[in-house]
Protein backbone atom coordinates (compact mmCIF):
# COMPACT_ATOMS: atom_id res chain seq x y z
CA MET A 1 82.25 66.21 116.12
CA THR A 2 83.24 63.74 118.53
CA ARG A 3 84.00 64.59 121.78
CA THR A 4 87.07 64.20 121.57
CA GLN A 5 87.21 66.33 119.31
CA LYS A 6 85.29 69.27 120.91
CA ARG A 7 88.08 69.43 123.69
CA LEU A 8 90.90 69.11 121.85
CA GLU A 9 89.16 72.15 120.18
CA GLU A 10 88.94 73.62 123.30
CA ASN A 11 92.35 73.17 124.35
CA GLU A 12 93.59 75.10 121.68
CA LEU A 13 90.75 77.71 122.08
CA LYS A 14 92.74 77.84 126.06
CA LYS A 15 96.12 77.93 125.38
CA VAL A 16 95.95 81.15 122.38
CA TYR A 17 93.62 82.64 125.65
CA ASP A 18 96.27 82.05 127.57
CA ALA A 19 99.26 83.28 125.25
CA ILE A 20 97.76 86.44 125.05
CA GLU A 21 97.43 86.65 128.39
CA ASP A 22 100.57 86.05 129.67
CA TYR A 23 102.09 87.57 126.43
CA VAL A 24 100.76 91.06 127.53
CA PHE A 25 101.57 90.26 131.27
CA GLU A 26 105.29 88.64 130.62
CA HIS A 27 106.48 92.25 127.72
CA HIS A 28 103.76 94.71 128.44
CA LYS A 29 102.79 94.99 125.03
CA LEU A 30 99.66 93.97 123.12
CA CYS A 31 100.11 90.66 120.41
CA SER A 32 99.59 89.93 117.01
CA ILE A 33 98.82 86.99 115.83
CA LYS A 34 102.10 85.56 115.03
CA GLU A 35 103.53 87.27 118.28
CA ILE A 36 100.99 84.13 119.89
CA SER A 37 101.00 81.49 117.47
CA GLN A 38 105.24 82.05 119.03
CA GLN A 39 103.81 82.20 122.70
CA SER A 40 101.02 79.39 122.21
CA GLY A 41 103.79 77.05 120.38
CA LEU A 42 100.47 76.41 117.09
CA THR A 43 100.43 77.51 113.74
CA GLU A 44 99.51 80.22 112.61
CA SER A 45 96.42 79.43 110.75
CA LYS A 46 95.58 77.52 114.01
CA CYS A 47 95.89 81.24 115.65
CA ARG A 48 93.80 82.99 113.77
CA LYS A 49 91.26 80.13 113.70
CA ASN A 50 90.78 80.07 117.23
CA VAL A 51 91.60 83.90 117.86
CA GLU A 52 88.31 84.93 115.38
CA TYR A 53 86.31 82.76 117.89
CA LEU A 54 87.17 84.19 120.87
CA VAL A 55 86.74 87.89 119.17
CA LYS A 56 83.49 87.28 118.68
CA LYS A 57 82.82 85.29 121.61
CA GLY A 58 83.77 89.22 122.80
CA GLU A 59 86.88 87.22 125.06
CA ILE A 60 89.36 89.25 122.93
CA TYR A 61 89.64 92.02 122.01
CA GLU A 62 91.19 93.51 118.52
CA ALA A 63 92.99 96.79 119.76
CA PHE A 64 94.09 97.90 116.26
CA LYS A 65 93.55 97.46 113.14
CA SER A 66 94.56 99.52 110.49
CA GLY A 67 94.92 98.37 106.49
CA LYS A 68 96.16 95.46 104.87
CA THR A 69 100.17 95.83 105.90
CA ASN A 70 99.78 95.98 109.88
CA PRO A 71 99.15 93.24 111.85
CA ILE A 72 96.13 93.38 113.72
CA VAL A 73 97.11 93.76 117.59
CA TYR A 74 94.61 91.52 120.49
CA ILE A 75 94.01 91.58 123.78
CA PRO A 76 91.80 90.01 126.68
CA THR A 77 88.63 92.12 126.93
CA TYR A 78 88.44 92.17 129.84
CA MET A 79 92.38 94.30 130.09
CA MET A 80 90.92 96.12 127.40
CA ASP A 81 87.70 97.10 129.56
CA GLU A 82 89.81 97.82 132.41
CA ILE A 83 91.27 100.98 130.24
CA LEU A 84 88.69 102.56 129.30
CA ARG A 85 86.49 102.37 132.29
CA ILE A 86 89.65 104.31 133.77
CA GLN A 87 89.04 108.67 132.77
CA LYS A 88 91.59 110.57 134.23
CA LYS A 89 89.68 113.60 136.48
CA PRO A 90 90.67 117.54 135.86
CA GLY A 91 92.65 119.27 138.64
CA TRP A 92 90.18 121.50 138.58
CA LEU A 93 87.70 119.24 139.89
CA GLU A 94 88.33 118.77 143.36
CA GLY A 95 87.31 122.53 143.84
CA TYR A 96 83.83 120.73 143.22
CA SER A 97 84.12 118.05 146.02
CA PHE A 98 81.17 116.97 148.72
CA GLU A 99 82.45 116.78 151.83
CA GLU A 100 80.54 113.94 152.72
CA LYS A 101 82.17 111.95 149.94
CA LYS A 102 85.40 113.24 151.37
CA SER A 103 85.03 111.02 154.35
CA ILE A 104 83.79 108.04 152.20
CA LEU A 105 87.51 107.57 150.78
CA GLU A 106 89.20 107.60 153.74
CA GLU A 107 87.63 105.39 154.78
CA ILE A 108 87.39 103.77 151.49
CA GLU A 109 91.65 104.49 151.86
CA LYS A 110 91.72 103.09 154.89
CA CYS A 111 90.09 99.97 154.13
CA ARG A 112 92.95 99.47 151.22
CA GLU A 113 95.73 99.47 153.40
CA ASP A 114 94.18 96.89 155.98
CA ILE A 115 93.08 94.95 152.95
CA LYS A 116 96.24 95.23 151.23
CA PRO A 117 98.64 92.84 152.77
CA PHE A 118 95.84 90.03 152.31
CA GLU A 119 95.89 91.17 148.48
CA MET A 120 99.27 90.24 148.36
CA PHE A 121 99.46 86.91 149.41
CA GLU A 122 96.77 85.38 146.83
CA ARG A 123 98.62 87.16 144.42
CA LEU A 124 100.76 83.89 145.18
CA LEU A 125 98.91 82.48 143.63
CA TYR A 126 98.38 83.16 140.04
CA ALA A 127 100.72 86.32 139.37
CA THR A 128 102.70 86.52 137.05
CA ASN A 129 106.05 88.48 136.16
CA THR A 130 105.90 91.76 138.15
CA PRO A 131 103.01 91.48 139.44
CA LEU A 132 104.67 88.32 140.57
CA GLU A 133 107.78 89.92 141.53
CA GLU A 134 106.21 92.79 143.77
CA THR A 135 104.73 90.53 145.80
CA ILE A 136 107.67 88.05 146.46
CA ALA A 137 109.90 90.51 147.52
CA PHE A 138 106.30 92.18 149.98
CA VAL A 139 105.76 88.78 151.81
CA LEU A 140 109.70 88.49 151.87
CA ASP A 141 109.93 91.97 153.80
CA TRP A 142 106.17 90.44 155.70
CA LEU A 143 108.49 88.08 157.03
CA GLU A 144 111.04 90.01 158.27
CA PHE A 145 113.85 89.01 156.08
CA LYS A 146 116.50 91.58 155.70
CA ASP A 147 117.25 94.04 153.25
CA VAL A 148 114.51 92.72 151.04
CA VAL A 149 115.28 95.07 147.20
CA HIS A 150 113.37 94.33 144.21
CA LEU A 151 115.24 94.74 141.17
CA LYS A 152 112.54 96.01 139.16
CA ASP A 153 114.01 99.41 137.16
CA ASN A 154 116.52 96.95 136.46
CA PRO A 155 114.69 94.61 134.45
CA ASP A 156 118.74 93.53 132.64
CA ASN A 157 119.26 91.81 136.23
CA HIS A 158 118.26 89.12 139.62
CA ASP A 159 114.24 89.60 140.41
CA ILE A 160 114.55 90.11 144.34
CA GLU A 161 117.80 89.93 146.65
CA PHE A 162 117.72 89.82 150.54
CA LYS A 163 119.58 88.61 152.92
CA TYR A 164 120.19 85.89 155.88
CA ASP A 165 123.03 84.56 158.11
CA GLY A 166 125.57 87.18 156.33
CA LYS A 167 124.63 85.67 153.08
CA LEU A 168 123.17 87.45 150.12
CA PHE A 169 120.03 85.65 148.78
CA LEU A 170 118.97 86.61 144.66
CA VAL A 171 115.77 85.64 143.34
CA GLU A 172 115.07 84.98 140.34
CA ALA A 173 111.12 84.49 140.17
CA LYS A 174 108.28 82.94 137.40
CA GLY A 175 104.79 83.44 137.06
CA LYS A 176 104.66 79.51 134.49
CA GLY A 177 101.92 78.48 132.73
CA LYS A 178 103.52 74.79 132.93
CA GLU A 179 106.86 73.77 135.50
CA GLY A 180 110.14 75.65 136.06
CA ASN A 181 112.38 74.21 133.52
CA LYS A 182 116.50 74.47 133.02
CA GLU A 183 116.50 77.72 131.23
CA ASP A 184 115.73 79.04 134.08
CA ILE A 185 117.64 78.00 136.22
CA GLN A 186 120.82 78.71 134.37
CA GLU A 187 119.29 82.55 133.93
CA LEU A 188 119.49 82.53 138.11
CA GLU A 189 123.12 80.76 137.50
CA GLY A 190 124.20 83.81 135.80
CA TRP A 191 123.19 86.12 138.43
CA VAL A 192 125.27 84.39 140.77
CA LYS A 193 128.55 84.38 138.32
CA ARG A 194 127.68 87.67 137.57
CA LYS A 195 128.46 88.81 141.37
CA ILE A 196 131.68 86.88 141.12
CA VAL A 197 133.29 88.61 138.52
CA ASN A 198 131.65 92.22 138.58
CA GLU A 199 131.37 92.61 142.42
CA ASN A 200 134.20 90.09 143.68
CA MET A 201 131.53 88.79 145.76
CA LYS A 202 132.96 84.78 147.13
CA ARG A 203 130.45 81.88 145.85
CA ASP A 204 130.13 80.88 150.33
CA GLU A 205 128.07 85.09 150.03
CA LEU A 206 126.36 83.83 147.21
CA GLU A 207 122.88 81.74 147.02
CA GLY A 208 120.53 80.63 144.18
CA LEU A 209 116.58 80.50 144.73
CA PHE A 210 114.28 79.69 142.68
CA ILE A 211 110.79 80.72 143.07
CA VAL A 212 108.29 79.80 140.60
CA ASN A 213 104.73 80.43 140.98
CA HIS A 214 104.14 76.76 138.62
CA TYR A 215 100.83 76.10 136.26
CA ARG A 216 99.18 79.06 137.60
CA LYS A 217 96.10 78.60 136.08
CA VAL A 218 95.35 75.75 138.01
CA ALA A 219 94.43 74.88 141.34
CA PRO A 220 97.36 74.64 143.73
CA GLU A 221 96.03 71.51 144.92
CA GLU A 222 95.09 70.08 141.26
CA ARG A 223 98.86 71.29 139.90
CA GLY A 224 101.65 69.07 138.88
CA ASP A 225 104.94 68.85 139.10
CA PRO A 226 106.78 72.66 140.61
CA LEU A 227 110.59 71.40 137.90
CA THR A 228 111.66 69.23 134.45
CA PRO A 229 113.81 67.25 135.69
CA HIS A 230 116.85 69.23 133.76
CA ALA A 231 115.75 71.63 136.20
CA LYS A 232 116.17 70.03 138.95
CA GLU A 233 119.36 68.69 137.87
CA PHE A 234 120.52 71.72 137.27
CA LEU A 235 119.54 72.82 140.87
CA LYS A 236 121.81 70.58 142.11
CA LEU A 237 124.50 71.14 139.81
CA ASN A 238 124.52 75.11 141.41
CA ASN A 239 123.08 73.72 145.13
CA PHE A 240 120.16 76.06 144.59
CA LYS A 241 117.35 76.29 146.77
CA PHE A 242 113.94 76.14 145.18
CA ILE A 243 110.26 76.91 146.33
CA THR A 244 106.91 77.08 145.15
CA THR A 245 104.65 80.64 145.86
CA PRO A 246 102.21 77.81 146.97
CA HIS A 247 104.39 76.50 149.54
CA LEU A 248 104.89 80.30 150.41
CA PHE A 249 101.07 80.73 150.20
CA THR A 250 101.02 77.73 152.98
CA LEU A 251 103.58 79.62 155.32
CA ILE A 252 102.08 82.63 155.25
CA LYS A 253 98.67 81.09 156.69
CA LYS A 254 100.66 79.16 159.17
CA VAL A 255 101.73 82.40 160.58
CA GLN A 256 98.53 84.80 160.76
CA ASN A 257 97.35 81.27 162.44
CA SER A 258 99.68 80.93 165.06
CA GLU A 259 100.67 77.88 164.19
CA ILE A 260 104.68 78.84 163.55
CA THR A 261 106.71 82.22 164.02
CA LYS A 262 107.87 84.28 161.35
CA GLU A 263 111.66 83.13 162.34
CA LYS A 264 110.48 79.25 161.30
CA ALA A 265 108.81 80.61 158.11
CA ARG A 266 112.41 82.43 157.32
CA GLU A 267 113.97 78.93 157.97
CA GLU A 268 111.02 76.97 155.67
CA VAL A 269 112.07 79.55 152.79
CA ILE A 270 116.33 79.18 153.13
CA LYS A 271 115.36 74.99 153.83
CA GLY A 272 112.87 75.21 149.96
CA GLU A 273 111.26 71.86 149.32
C-alpha cells in the first residue's frame, strides 16, 4: 500500500468515526450504516467496510444486532462504556452509608461546583448540539448579559436569546465538523422573521447572532475559515453578526486574567468578528 492510499484510508476511517459520534450528538439516537453514509457522504459499502474495521479495533460498538432484517446500530465505544459504568443505586442504600464517605462527598460536591465554570468555558472549544447551547447560555449569563434564556425545551425555535442595549438578540449556535454555511444563516433568518410575524416585533428591535464552533475536532489555532463565502454573504444580507466559540473563549480568558472587563467583553461579542 502506498503512503497516499494509507492516508486516504485513514481519512475515511476518521470520517466514519466522526459521522457516528456527530450523529449521536445531533440526533440523540444511534445510527445504522445508511445514516452513517448520509452523515459522512461516503457510500454505504465504504462505510460498512470502515465500520467493520473500527468494531474489530474496539473503537465502535455494535449496540443492537438482531436478525437479518433489523439494521445494526452503532455507538462509539467510549459512550457505551460510560452507559454501562453507571448503575443506579437502590434508595435503601442511604441507610448503609459511611459517615466518612458523606464528608468526602460534600468536599467533592464543592470541588465540582468550583470547577464547573472552567469546564463550561472549555466546552466552547469542542462541544456541539445541546451541550454547546448550554455552554454558550452559561457564558452569556456569566458575562452579565440580561435575560439570557436557553430554549432547550422547544427545539423548534432559536437556541438562545438575550437582551442588550434595548434589543432582543436571537442566537443560533452550531458545532460543526467544517465551517458554518448559508443554511445555518437562513435558519437564523427564519427565527427573526417568525418573531416579526408571530409577535409583531419590529426588525430594529431584533438582532441575529450566529455563534459557531467550526472545525470543532481540530485545535483552535489549526482551524480553517469559520464561514463559507455564501454564509458571509447571507450574514451581510440580513445584517447579522457572528462570533466563533474560540474567540469567545479568548474573551473569557482575558476577563479571568483581568485584562478586560466583562463590559468590554460584552461589547466585543455584540461587535462580532
